[in-house]
Amino acid sequence: ASEWRIYSQVIIPLSRPALAVLAIFSVMWRWNDFLWPLVVLSRSEMFTLQVGLNSFQGELNVQWNLILAMTVLTLLPITIVFAFLQRNITTGIATTGMK
């Protein structure tokens, strides 16, 4: 068998779950990133959801109803992605390190 055939029929199918988990975790990490957008962004129109969520907390008062509503909104996209890619996540985590 040629190298291309081995690569396309053996290596890629075995690495697909691990690469899917890597992609999902990378997106989740960037989605939940707080410090970098807080440092870089100066206009409130450009804030990410997490930085915008922080702006609802003041020094003297906390608007709990708005904070909890925004928290639900920030969780929805990640929950939807997990629901669709759950099989890849569990397969990728379960087969990591197995020969």
C-alpha atoms as a PDB file:
ATOM      1  CA  ALA A   1       0.000   0.000   0.000  1.00  0.00           C
ATOM      2  CA  SER A   2       1.171   3.498  -0.756  1.00  0.00           C
ATOM      3  CA  GLU A   3       1.891   6.087   1.895  1.00  0.00           C
ATOM      4  CA  TRP A   4      -1.124   8.150   0.828  1.00  0.00           C
ATOM      5  CA  ARG A   5      -3.454   5.167   1.187  1.00  0.00           C
ATOM      6  CA  ILE A   6      -2.110   4.361   4.665  1.00  0.00           C
ATOM      7  CA  TYR A   7      -2.475   7.986   5.663  1.00  0.00           C
ATOM      8  CA  SER A   8      -6.010   8.359   4.306  1.00  0.00           C
ATOM      9  CA  GLN A   9      -7.400   5.019   5.477  1.00  0.00           C
ATOM     10  CA  VAL A  10      -5.584   4.455   8.773  1.00  0.00           C
ATOM     11  CA  ILE A  11      -4.136   7.617  10.288  1.00  0.00           C
ATOM     12  CA  ILE A  12      -6.907  10.107   9.498  1.00  0.00           C
ATOM     13  CA  PRO A  13      -9.795   7.933  10.771  1.00  0.00           C
ATOM     14  CA  LEU A  14      -7.896   7.162  13.984  1.00  0.00           C
ATOM     15  CA  SER A  15      -7.038  10.798  14.638  1.00  0.00           C
ATOM     16  CA  ARG A  16     -10.445  12.292  13.753  1.00  0.00           C
ATOM     17  CA  PRO A  17     -11.976  12.019  17.280  1.00  0.00           C
ATOM     18  CA  ALA A  18      -8.882  13.491  18.922  1.00  0.00           C
ATOM     19  CA  LEU A  19      -8.778  16.377  16.442  1.00  0.00           C
ATOM     20  CA  ALA A  20     -12.507  16.993  16.972  1.00  0.00           C
ATOM     21  CA  VAL A  21     -12.001  17.209  20.734  1.00  0.00           C
ATOM     22  CA  LEU A  22      -9.034  19.533  20.228  1.00  0.00           C
ATOM     23  CA  ALA A  23     -11.102  21.813  17.991  1.00  0.00           C
ATOM     24  CA  ILE A  24     -14.048  21.852  20.398  1.00  0.00           C
ATOM     25  CA  PHE A  25     -11.889  22.606  23.435  1.00  0.00           C
ATOM     26  CA  SER A  26     -10.050  25.334  21.510  1.00  0.00           C
ATOM     27  CA  VAL A  27     -13.319  27.021  20.536  1.00  0.00           C
ATOM     28  CA  MET A  28     -14.627  26.730  24.100  1.00  0.00           C
ATOM     29  CA  TRP A  29     -11.422  28.231  25.475  1.00  0.00           C
ATOM     30  CA  ARG A  30     -11.656  31.224  23.139  1.00  0.00           C
ATOM     31  CA  TRP A  31     -15.389  31.578  23.769  1.00  0.00           C
ATOM     32  CA  ASN A  32     -14.818  31.847  27.522  1.00  0.00           C
ATOM     33  CA  ASP A  33     -11.758  34.090  27.253  1.00  0.00           C
ATOM     34  CA  PHE A  34     -12.078  37.129  29.501  1.00  0.00           C
ATOM     35  CA  LEU A  35      -8.736  38.788  30.158  1.00  0.00           C
ATOM     36  CA  TRP A  36      -7.487  39.397  26.607  1.00  0.00           C
ATOM     37  CA  PRO A  37     -10.665  41.128  25.347  1.00  0.00           C
ATOM     38  CA  LEU A  38     -10.813  43.135  28.573  1.00  0.00           C
ATOM     39  CA  VAL A  39      -7.286  44.462  28.002  1.00  0.00           C
ATOM     40  CA  VAL A  40      -7.518  45.035  24.250  1.00  0.00           C
ATOM     41  CA  LEU A  41     -11.040  46.376  23.699  1.00  0.00           C
ATOM     42  CA  SER A  42     -11.822  49.953  24.632  1.00  0.00           C
ATOM     43  CA  ARG A  43     -15.292  50.490  23.134  1.00  0.00           C
ATOM     44  CA  SER A  44     -18.241  48.830  24.839  1.00  0.00           C
ATOM     45  CA  GLU A  45     -19.791  47.978  21.451  1.00  0.00           C
ATOM     46  CA  MET A  46     -16.922  45.578  20.778  1.00  0.00           C
ATOM     47  CA  PHE A  47     -17.010  43.746  24.130  1.00  0.00           C
ATOM     48  CA  THR A  48     -17.370  39.987  24.090  1.00  0.00           C
ATOM     49  CA  LEU A  49     -20.209  38.384  26.036  1.00  0.00           C
ATOM     50  CA  GLN A  50     -18.009  37.632  29.031  1.00  0.00           C
ATOM     51  CA  VAL A  51     -16.644  41.180  29.265  1.00  0.00           C
ATOM     52  CA  GLY A  52     -20.142  42.575  28.770  1.00  0.00           C
ATOM     53  CA  LEU A  53     -21.355  40.316  31.554  1.00  0.00           C
ATOM     54  CA  ASN A  54     -18.760  41.863  33.851  1.00  0.00           C
ATOM     55  CA  SER A  55     -20.031  45.355  33.051  1.00  0.00           C
ATOM     56  CA  PHE A  56     -23.352  44.574  34.775  1.00  0.00           C
ATOM     57  CA  GLN A  57     -21.540  44.426  38.114  1.00  0.00           C
ATOM     58  CA  GLY A  58     -20.943  47.798  39.736  1.00  0.00           C
ATOM     59  CA  GLU A  59     -19.114  48.859  42.881  1.00  0.00           C
ATOM     60  CA  LEU A  60     -22.244  49.436  44.944  1.00  0.00           C
ATOM     61  CA  ASN A  61     -24.941  47.428  43.219  1.00  0.00           C
ATOM     62  CA  VAL A  62     -25.206  44.209  41.274  1.00  0.00           C
ATOM     63  CA  GLN A  63     -27.955  43.682  38.723  1.00  0.00           C
ATOM     64  CA  TRP A  64     -28.523  39.979  39.371  1.00  0.00           C
ATOM     65  CA  ASN A  65     -31.414  39.614  36.949  1.00  0.00           C
ATOM     66  CA  LEU A  66     -29.323  40.890  34.031  1.00  0.00           C
ATOM     67  CA  ILE A  67     -26.255  38.893  35.058  1.00  0.00           C
ATOM     68  CA  LEU A  68     -28.218  35.639  35.265  1.00  0.00           C
ATOM     69  CA  ALA A  69     -29.980  36.282  31.946  1.00  0.00           C
ATOM     70  CA  MET A  70     -26.651  36.991  30.220  1.00  0.00           C
ATOM     71  CA  THR A  71     -25.122  33.892  31.807  1.00  0.00           C
ATOM     72  CA  VAL A  72     -27.827  31.736  30.241  1.00  0.00           C
ATOM     73  CA  LEU A  73     -27.217  33.415  26.871  1.00  0.00           C
ATOM     74  CA  THR A  74     -23.472  32.771  27.069  1.00  0.00           C
ATOM     75  CA  LEU A  75     -24.058  29.095  27.882  1.00  0.00           C
ATOM     76  CA  LEU A  76     -26.486  28.406  25.024  1.00  0.00           C
ATOM     77  CA  PRO A  77     -24.023  28.260  22.077  1.00  0.00           C
ATOM     78  CA  ILE A  78     -21.597  25.967  23.899  1.00  0.00           C
ATOM     79  CA  THR A  79     -24.457  23.719  25.024  1.00  0.00           C
ATOM     80  CA  ILE A  80     -25.762  23.463  21.458  1.00  0.00           C
ATOM     81  CA  VAL A  81     -22.289  22.640  20.116  1.00  0.00           C
ATOM     82  CA  PHE A  82     -21.860  19.973  22.782  1.00  0.00           C
ATOM     83  CA  ALA A  83     -25.267  18.460  21.979  1.00  0.00           C
ATOM     84  CA  PHE A  84     -24.354  18.061  18.309  1.00  0.00           C
ATOM     85  CA  LEU A  85     -20.758  16.895  18.858  1.00  0.00           C
ATOM     86  CA  GLN A  86     -21.208  14.797  21.999  1.00  0.00           C
ATOM     87  CA  ARG A  87     -20.326  11.540  20.226  1.00  0.00           C
ATOM     88  CA  ASN A  88     -17.025  12.972  18.950  1.00  0.00           C
ATOM     89  CA  ILE A  89     -16.145  14.379  22.356  1.00  0.00           C
ATOM     90  CA  THR A  90     -16.758  11.158  24.261  1.00  0.00           C
ATOM     91  CA  THR A  91     -15.041   9.021  21.618  1.00  0.00           C
ATOM     92  CA  GLY A  92     -12.043  11.342  21.477  1.00  0.00           C
ATOM     93  CA  ILE A  93     -11.627  11.439  25.228  1.00  0.00           C
ATOM     94  CA  ALA A  94     -12.171   7.688  25.651  1.00  0.00           C
ATOM     95  CA  THR A  95      -9.666   6.663  22.965  1.00  0.00           C
ATOM     96  CA  THR A  96      -6.909   9.063  23.965  1.00  0.00           C
ATOM     97  CA  GLY A  97      -3.753   7.159  24.799  1.00  0.00           C
ATOM     98  CA  MET A  98      -5.024   3.775  23.623  1.00  0.00           C
ATOM     99  CA  LYS A  99      -2.990   1.721  21.167  1.00  0.00           C
END
